[in-house]
Amino acid sequence: MRQFIVVGHDVPTTPDPISLDDLPGAGRLDLLCRCVATGVFLSHGIREDVRVHLICGDALTVTFDSNRLRHLHPDERNVAARIRDALAARADAIGHMPADVSPGVELRRMGLEATLDRVAADGSLVTLHEDGDPLVDVDPPADPVFVLSDHGDFTVDEADVLAERGDHELRVGPKLLHADHTVSVAHNWLDTDGYTDY
């Protein structure tokens, strides 16, 4: 299983401020939508065994599970509509029990730390950050949980949590990339077994 946790610092935690005609204006929701699409889709299909977790305001987590997704399309508006539906279902998420939004989409009342507790126990926690070691210097882990930030950097508290719990801090290249591009590079690194198998 490959998992990606994307921390959305400014994304709304209610559906009302989200306009499908202005996704950047909703806390850069456009970027998180592209992370979901890059995480779960291939050119003509859906990847197997991938989960993308979007942390919204350190209060809610929307999870996309590629093995169970139905009727999701890779365009930003379609993904944003699912996220908006998830936020609208927040009353159905009780404690850490999820609200089932649609096949393969769930919402939990969890911020970053609780999400890490839930998903990173059985995998290798890898923080993707510009200050990390190069990907090529590390063997790809079997069940990675990649954590990356949106258009902003991790807060001090987030960085401390990740430093305490993480197995690796890695960078995907010498240039800063958008979060969705970083997801693509991480997939390629795993797909090629560390750039060795083409």
C-alpha atoms as a PDB file:
ATOM      1  CA  MET A   1       0.000   0.000   0.000  1.00  0.00           C
ATOM      2  CA  ARG A   2       1.189   3.492  -0.890  1.00  0.00           C
ATOM      3  CA  GLN A   3      -0.212   6.373   1.070  1.00  0.00           C
ATOM      4  CA  PHE A   4       0.097  10.118   0.717  1.00  0.00           C
ATOM      5  CA  ILE A   5      -0.834  12.570   3.455  1.00  0.00           C
ATOM      6  CA  VAL A   6      -1.186  16.118   2.150  1.00  0.00           C
ATOM      7  CA  VAL A   7      -1.454  18.849   4.772  1.00  0.00           C
ATOM      8  CA  GLY A   8      -3.872  21.560   3.623  1.00  0.00           C
ATOM      9  CA  HIS A   9      -3.339  24.511   5.917  1.00  0.00           C
ATOM     10  CA  ASP A  10      -5.917  26.915   4.501  1.00  0.00           C
ATOM     11  CA  VAL A  11      -8.541  24.537   3.106  1.00  0.00           C
ATOM     12  CA  PRO A  12     -12.039  25.161   4.506  1.00  0.00           C
ATOM     13  CA  THR A  13     -13.450  22.657   6.979  1.00  0.00           C
ATOM     14  CA  THR A  14     -17.047  23.364   5.904  1.00  0.00           C
ATOM     15  CA  PRO A  15     -18.496  23.082   2.389  1.00  0.00           C
ATOM     16  CA  ASP A  16     -19.958  26.600   2.164  1.00  0.00           C
ATOM     17  CA  PRO A  17     -16.839  28.566   1.144  1.00  0.00           C
ATOM     18  CA  ILE A  18     -15.981  26.107  -1.647  1.00  0.00           C
ATOM     19  CA  SER A  19     -16.915  27.313  -5.104  1.00  0.00           C
ATOM     20  CA  LEU A  20     -16.149  24.948  -7.970  1.00  0.00           C
ATOM     21  CA  ASP A  21     -15.493  28.075 -10.040  1.00  0.00           C
ATOM     22  CA  ASP A  22     -12.742  29.322  -7.695  1.00  0.00           C
ATOM     23  CA  LEU A  23     -10.812  26.400  -6.238  1.00  0.00           C
ATOM     24  CA  PRO A  24      -7.603  28.395  -5.662  1.00  0.00           C
ATOM     25  CA  GLY A  25      -9.668  30.804  -3.562  1.00  0.00           C
ATOM     26  CA  ALA A  26     -10.713  27.958  -1.272  1.00  0.00           C
ATOM     27  CA  GLY A  27      -7.339  27.654   0.460  1.00  0.00           C
ATOM     28  CA  ARG A  28      -5.634  26.309  -2.690  1.00  0.00           C
ATOM     29  CA  LEU A  29      -8.071  23.407  -2.900  1.00  0.00           C
ATOM     30  CA  ASP A  30      -7.051  23.136  -6.566  1.00  0.00           C
ATOM     31  CA  LEU A  31      -3.628  21.917  -5.484  1.00  0.00           C
ATOM     32  CA  LEU A  32      -5.055  19.286  -3.144  1.00  0.00           C
ATOM     33  CA  CYS A  33      -7.402  18.086  -5.903  1.00  0.00           C
ATOM     34  CA  ARG A  34      -4.429  17.626  -8.220  1.00  0.00           C
ATOM     35  CA  CYS A  35      -2.650  15.659  -5.481  1.00  0.00           C
ATOM     36  CA  VAL A  36      -5.627  13.305  -5.284  1.00  0.00           C
ATOM     37  CA  ALA A  37      -5.775  12.870  -9.065  1.00  0.00           C
ATOM     38  CA  THR A  38      -2.026  12.319  -9.346  1.00  0.00           C
ATOM     39  CA  GLY A  39      -2.106   9.935  -6.411  1.00  0.00           C
ATOM     40  CA  VAL A  40      -4.870   7.611  -7.600  1.00  0.00           C
ATOM     41  CA  PHE A  41      -5.007   7.852 -11.408  1.00  0.00           C
ATOM     42  CA  LEU A  42      -2.935   6.404 -14.209  1.00  0.00           C
ATOM     43  CA  SER A  43      -3.273   7.498 -17.833  1.00  0.00           C
ATOM     44  CA  HIS A  44      -6.200   5.181 -18.538  1.00  0.00           C
ATOM     45  CA  GLY A  45      -7.127   3.767 -15.168  1.00  0.00           C
ATOM     46  CA  ILE A  46      -6.838   3.863 -11.421  1.00  0.00           C
ATOM     47  CA  ARG A  47      -3.823   2.699  -9.461  1.00  0.00           C
ATOM     48  CA  GLU A  48      -4.234  -0.192  -7.054  1.00  0.00           C
ATOM     49  CA  ASP A  49      -3.451   0.038  -3.349  1.00  0.00           C
ATOM     50  CA  VAL A  50      -3.111   3.813  -3.008  1.00  0.00           C
ATOM     51  CA  ARG A  51      -4.700   6.065  -0.414  1.00  0.00           C
ATOM     52  CA  VAL A  52      -4.526   9.849  -0.401  1.00  0.00           C
ATOM     53  CA  HIS A  53      -5.386  11.598   2.867  1.00  0.00           C
ATOM     54  CA  LEU A  54      -6.107  15.330   2.808  1.00  0.00           C
ATOM     55  CA  ILE A  55      -5.696  17.087   6.157  1.00  0.00           C
ATOM     56  CA  CYS A  56      -8.107  20.030   6.254  1.00  0.00           C
ATOM     57  CA  GLY A  57      -7.301  22.686   8.828  1.00  0.00           C
ATOM     58  CA  ASP A  58      -5.739  20.108  11.179  1.00  0.00           C
ATOM     59  CA  ALA A  59      -9.284  19.092  12.107  1.00  0.00           C
ATOM     60  CA  LEU A  60     -10.633  16.790   9.393  1.00  0.00           C
ATOM     61  CA  THR A  61      -9.149  14.186   7.078  1.00  0.00           C
ATOM     62  CA  VAL A  62     -10.691  13.262   3.728  1.00  0.00           C
ATOM     63  CA  THR A  63      -9.400   9.912   2.445  1.00  0.00           C
ATOM     64  CA  PHE A  64      -9.517   8.629  -1.135  1.00  0.00           C
ATOM     65  CA  ASP A  65      -8.961   4.855  -1.416  1.00  0.00           C
ATOM     66  CA  SER A  66      -8.125   3.816  -4.980  1.00  0.00           C
ATOM     67  CA  ASN A  67      -9.291   0.235  -4.443  1.00  0.00           C
ATOM     68  CA  ARG A  68     -12.854   1.328  -3.715  1.00  0.00           C
ATOM     69  CA  LEU A  69     -13.287   4.497  -5.774  1.00  0.00           C
ATOM     70  CA  ARG A  70     -16.210   4.667  -8.186  1.00  0.00           C
ATOM     71  CA  HIS A  71     -17.210   7.379 -10.654  1.00  0.00           C
ATOM     72  CA  LEU A  72     -14.344   9.707  -9.807  1.00  0.00           C
ATOM     73  CA  HIS A  73     -12.765  11.601 -12.681  1.00  0.00           C
ATOM     74  CA  PRO A  74      -9.310  13.202 -12.636  1.00  0.00           C
ATOM     75  CA  ASP A  75     -10.398  16.803 -13.233  1.00  0.00           C
ATOM     76  CA  GLU A  76     -10.112  19.257 -10.349  1.00  0.00           C
ATOM     77  CA  ARG A  77     -13.816  20.141 -10.250  1.00  0.00           C
ATOM     78  CA  ASN A  78     -14.881  16.503  -9.933  1.00  0.00           C
ATOM     79  CA  VAL A  79     -12.437  15.830  -7.103  1.00  0.00           C
ATOM     80  CA  ALA A  80     -13.367  19.118  -5.404  1.00  0.00           C
ATOM     81  CA  ALA A  81     -17.043  18.171  -5.514  1.00  0.00           C
ATOM     82  CA  ARG A  82     -16.211  14.949  -3.617  1.00  0.00           C
ATOM     83  CA  ILE A  83     -14.230  16.918  -1.056  1.00  0.00           C
ATOM     84  CA  ARG A  84     -17.112  19.366  -0.648  1.00  0.00           C
ATOM     85  CA  ASP A  85     -19.505  16.421  -0.223  1.00  0.00           C
ATOM     86  CA  ALA A  86     -17.172  14.990   2.413  1.00  0.00           C
ATOM     87  CA  LEU A  87     -17.119  18.241   4.366  1.00  0.00           C
ATOM     88  CA  ALA A  88     -20.907  18.390   4.154  1.00  0.00           C
ATOM     89  CA  ALA A  89     -21.043  14.938   5.787  1.00  0.00           C
ATOM     90  CA  ARG A  90     -18.909  15.959   8.765  1.00  0.00           C
ATOM     91  CA  ALA A  91     -21.848  15.542  11.176  1.00  0.00           C
ATOM     92  CA  ASP A  92     -21.860  11.828  10.312  1.00  0.00           C
ATOM     93  CA  ALA A  93     -18.245  11.424  11.448  1.00  0.00           C
ATOM     94  CA  ILE A  94     -18.452  10.578  15.121  1.00  0.00           C
ATOM     95  CA  GLY A  95     -15.228  10.468  17.099  1.00  0.00           C
ATOM     96  CA  HIS A  96     -12.775   8.674  14.861  1.00  0.00           C
ATOM     97  CA  MET A  97     -15.506   6.726  13.059  1.00  0.00           C
ATOM     98  CA  PRO A  98     -15.642   7.872   9.437  1.00  0.00           C
ATOM     99  CA  ALA A  99     -18.473   9.342   7.460  1.00  0.00           C
ATOM    100  CA  ASP A 100     -18.844   7.340   4.245  1.00  0.00           C
ATOM    101  CA  VAL A 101     -19.231   9.942   1.537  1.00  0.00           C
ATOM    102  CA  SER A 102     -19.187   7.796  -1.589  1.00  0.00           C
ATOM    103  CA  PRO A 103     -17.414   4.574  -2.566  1.00  0.00           C
ATOM    104  CA  GLY A 104     -13.761   5.049  -1.670  1.00  0.00           C
ATOM    105  CA  VAL A 105     -14.179   8.473  -0.023  1.00  0.00           C
ATOM    106  CA  GLU A 106     -14.357   8.909   3.755  1.00  0.00           C
ATOM    107  CA  LEU A 107     -14.133  11.787   6.183  1.00  0.00           C
ATOM    108  CA  ARG A 108     -12.765  11.480   9.715  1.00  0.00           C
ATOM    109  CA  ARG A 109     -12.542  13.997  12.525  1.00  0.00           C
ATOM    110  CA  MET A 110      -8.772  13.734  12.710  1.00  0.00           C
ATOM    111  CA  GLY A 111      -5.939  16.167  12.288  1.00  0.00           C
ATOM    112  CA  LEU A 112      -2.362  15.369  11.333  1.00  0.00           C
ATOM    113  CA  GLU A 113      -1.251  13.581  14.515  1.00  0.00           C
ATOM    114  CA  ALA A 114      -4.302  11.327  14.733  1.00  0.00           C
ATOM    115  CA  THR A 115      -4.042  10.520  11.036  1.00  0.00           C
ATOM    116  CA  LEU A 116      -0.383   9.608  11.463  1.00  0.00           C
ATOM    117  CA  ASP A 117      -1.331   7.356  14.384  1.00  0.00           C
ATOM    118  CA  ARG A 118      -3.938   5.632  12.223  1.00  0.00           C
ATOM    119  CA  VAL A 119      -2.108   5.162   8.922  1.00  0.00           C
ATOM    120  CA  ALA A 120       1.610   5.146   9.653  1.00  0.00           C
ATOM    121  CA  ALA A 121       1.741   2.306  12.175  1.00  0.00           C
ATOM    122  CA  ASP A 122       2.310  -0.379   9.539  1.00  0.00           C
ATOM    123  CA  GLY A 123       4.422   1.593   7.075  1.00  0.00           C
ATOM    124  CA  SER A 124       7.516   3.731   6.737  1.00  0.00           C
ATOM    125  CA  LEU A 125       6.791   7.386   7.390  1.00  0.00           C
ATOM    126  CA  VAL A 126       8.580   9.518   4.791  1.00  0.00           C
ATOM    127  CA  THR A 127       8.448  13.304   4.957  1.00  0.00           C
ATOM    128  CA  LEU A 128       8.912  14.898   1.542  1.00  0.00           C
ATOM    129  CA  HIS A 129      10.705  18.192   2.056  1.00  0.00           C
ATOM    130  CA  GLU A 130      13.296  20.308   0.291  1.00  0.00           C
ATOM    131  CA  ASP A 131      15.785  19.843   3.157  1.00  0.00           C
ATOM    132  CA  GLY A 132      15.680  16.044   3.034  1.00  0.00           C
ATOM    133  CA  ASP A 133      18.149  13.546   1.613  1.00  0.00           C
ATOM    134  CA  PRO A 134      17.883  12.723  -2.119  1.00  0.00           C
ATOM    135  CA  LEU A 135      15.469   9.918  -3.017  1.00  0.00           C
ATOM    136  CA  VAL A 136      18.218   8.128  -4.910  1.00  0.00           C
ATOM    137  CA  ASP A 137      20.242   7.666  -1.726  1.00  0.00           C
ATOM    138  CA  VAL A 138      17.536   5.527  -0.087  1.00  0.00           C
ATOM    139  CA  ASP A 139      15.980   2.195  -1.008  1.00  0.00           C
ATOM    140  CA  PRO A 140      12.230   2.532  -1.590  1.00  0.00           C
ATOM    141  CA  PRO A 141      10.259   1.270   1.426  1.00  0.00           C
ATOM    142  CA  ALA A 142       7.684  -1.474   0.973  1.00  0.00           C
ATOM    143  CA  ASP A 143       4.692   0.391   2.457  1.00  0.00           C
ATOM    144  CA  PRO A 144       5.517   4.096   2.371  1.00  0.00           C
ATOM    145  CA  VAL A 145       3.414   6.797   3.948  1.00  0.00           C
ATOM    146  CA  PHE A 146       4.554  10.038   2.320  1.00  0.00           C
ATOM    147  CA  VAL A 147       3.743  13.314   4.068  1.00  0.00           C
ATOM    148  CA  LEU A 148       3.925  16.596   2.199  1.00  0.00           C
ATOM    149  CA  SER A 149       2.641  20.106   2.602  1.00  0.00           C
ATOM    150  CA  ASP A 150       0.448  22.205   0.346  1.00  0.00           C
ATOM    151  CA  HIS A 151       1.679  25.537  -1.064  1.00  0.00           C
ATOM    152  CA  GLY A 152       3.032  26.499   2.363  1.00  0.00           C
ATOM    153  CA  ASP A 153       5.703  24.912   4.501  1.00  0.00           C
ATOM    154  CA  PHE A 154       5.013  22.716   7.506  1.00  0.00           C
ATOM    155  CA  THR A 155       4.393  24.641  10.721  1.00  0.00           C
ATOM    156  CA  VAL A 156       6.947  24.315  13.512  1.00  0.00           C
ATOM    157  CA  ASP A 157       4.634  21.949  15.411  1.00  0.00           C
ATOM    158  CA  GLU A 158       4.033  19.807  12.301  1.00  0.00           C
ATOM    159  CA  ALA A 159       7.757  19.648  11.567  1.00  0.00           C
ATOM    160  CA  ASP A 160       8.449  18.567  15.156  1.00  0.00           C
ATOM    161  CA  VAL A 161       5.831  15.790  14.983  1.00  0.00           C
ATOM    162  CA  LEU A 162       7.207  14.534  11.684  1.00  0.00           C
ATOM    163  CA  ALA A 163      10.815  14.673  12.905  1.00  0.00           C
ATOM    164  CA  GLU A 164       9.854  12.663  15.986  1.00  0.00           C
ATOM    165  CA  ARG A 165       7.846  10.009  14.145  1.00  0.00           C
ATOM    166  CA  GLY A 166       9.380   9.891  10.682  1.00  0.00           C
ATOM    167  CA  ASP A 167      11.685   7.235   9.311  1.00  0.00           C
ATOM    168  CA  HIS A 168      13.121   9.444   6.531  1.00  0.00           C
ATOM    169  CA  GLU A 169      13.063  13.021   5.304  1.00  0.00           C
ATOM    170  CA  LEU A 170      13.607  13.001   1.552  1.00  0.00           C
ATOM    171  CA  ARG A 171      13.620  15.456  -1.325  1.00  0.00           C
ATOM    172  CA  VAL A 172      12.545  14.527  -4.828  1.00  0.00           C
ATOM    173  CA  GLY A 173      15.033  16.699  -6.698  1.00  0.00           C
ATOM    174  CA  PRO A 174      17.132  19.854  -6.720  1.00  0.00           C
ATOM    175  CA  LYS A 175      14.195  22.169  -7.544  1.00  0.00           C
ATOM    176  CA  LEU A 176      11.082  22.951  -5.543  1.00  0.00           C
ATOM    177  CA  LEU A 177       8.042  21.287  -7.120  1.00  0.00           C
ATOM    178  CA  HIS A 178       4.326  21.673  -6.642  1.00  0.00           C
ATOM    179  CA  ALA A 179       2.865  19.107  -4.249  1.00  0.00           C
ATOM    180  CA  ASP A 180       1.081  17.204  -7.036  1.00  0.00           C
ATOM    181  CA  HIS A 181       4.300  16.989  -9.063  1.00  0.00           C
ATOM    182  CA  THR A 182       6.053  15.683  -5.967  1.00  0.00           C
ATOM    183  CA  VAL A 183       3.439  12.906  -5.701  1.00  0.00           C
ATOM    184  CA  SER A 184       4.141  11.992  -9.327  1.00  0.00           C
ATOM    185  CA  VAL A 185       7.901  11.804  -8.739  1.00  0.00           C
ATOM    186  CA  ALA A 186       7.388   9.653  -5.634  1.00  0.00           C
ATOM    187  CA  HIS A 187       5.180   7.280  -7.631  1.00  0.00           C
ATOM    188  CA  ASN A 188       7.801   7.038 -10.365  1.00  0.00           C
ATOM    189  CA  TRP A 189      10.513   6.320  -7.801  1.00  0.00           C
ATOM    190  CA  LEU A 190       8.460   3.423  -6.457  1.00  0.00           C
ATOM    191  CA  ASP A 191       7.291   2.238  -9.888  1.00  0.00           C
ATOM    192  CA  THR A 192      10.903   1.897 -11.024  1.00  0.00           C
ATOM    193  CA  ASP A 193      12.199   0.383  -7.765  1.00  0.00           C
ATOM    194  CA  GLY A 194      14.352   3.404  -7.058  1.00  0.00           C
ATOM    195  CA  TYR A 195      14.989   4.303 -10.708  1.00  0.00           C
ATOM    196  CA  THR A 196      16.503   0.885 -11.456  1.00  0.00           C
ATOM    197  CA  ASP A 197      13.739  -1.010 -13.261  1.00  0.00           C
ATOM    198  CA  TYR A 198      12.260   0.353 -16.463  1.00  0.00           C
END
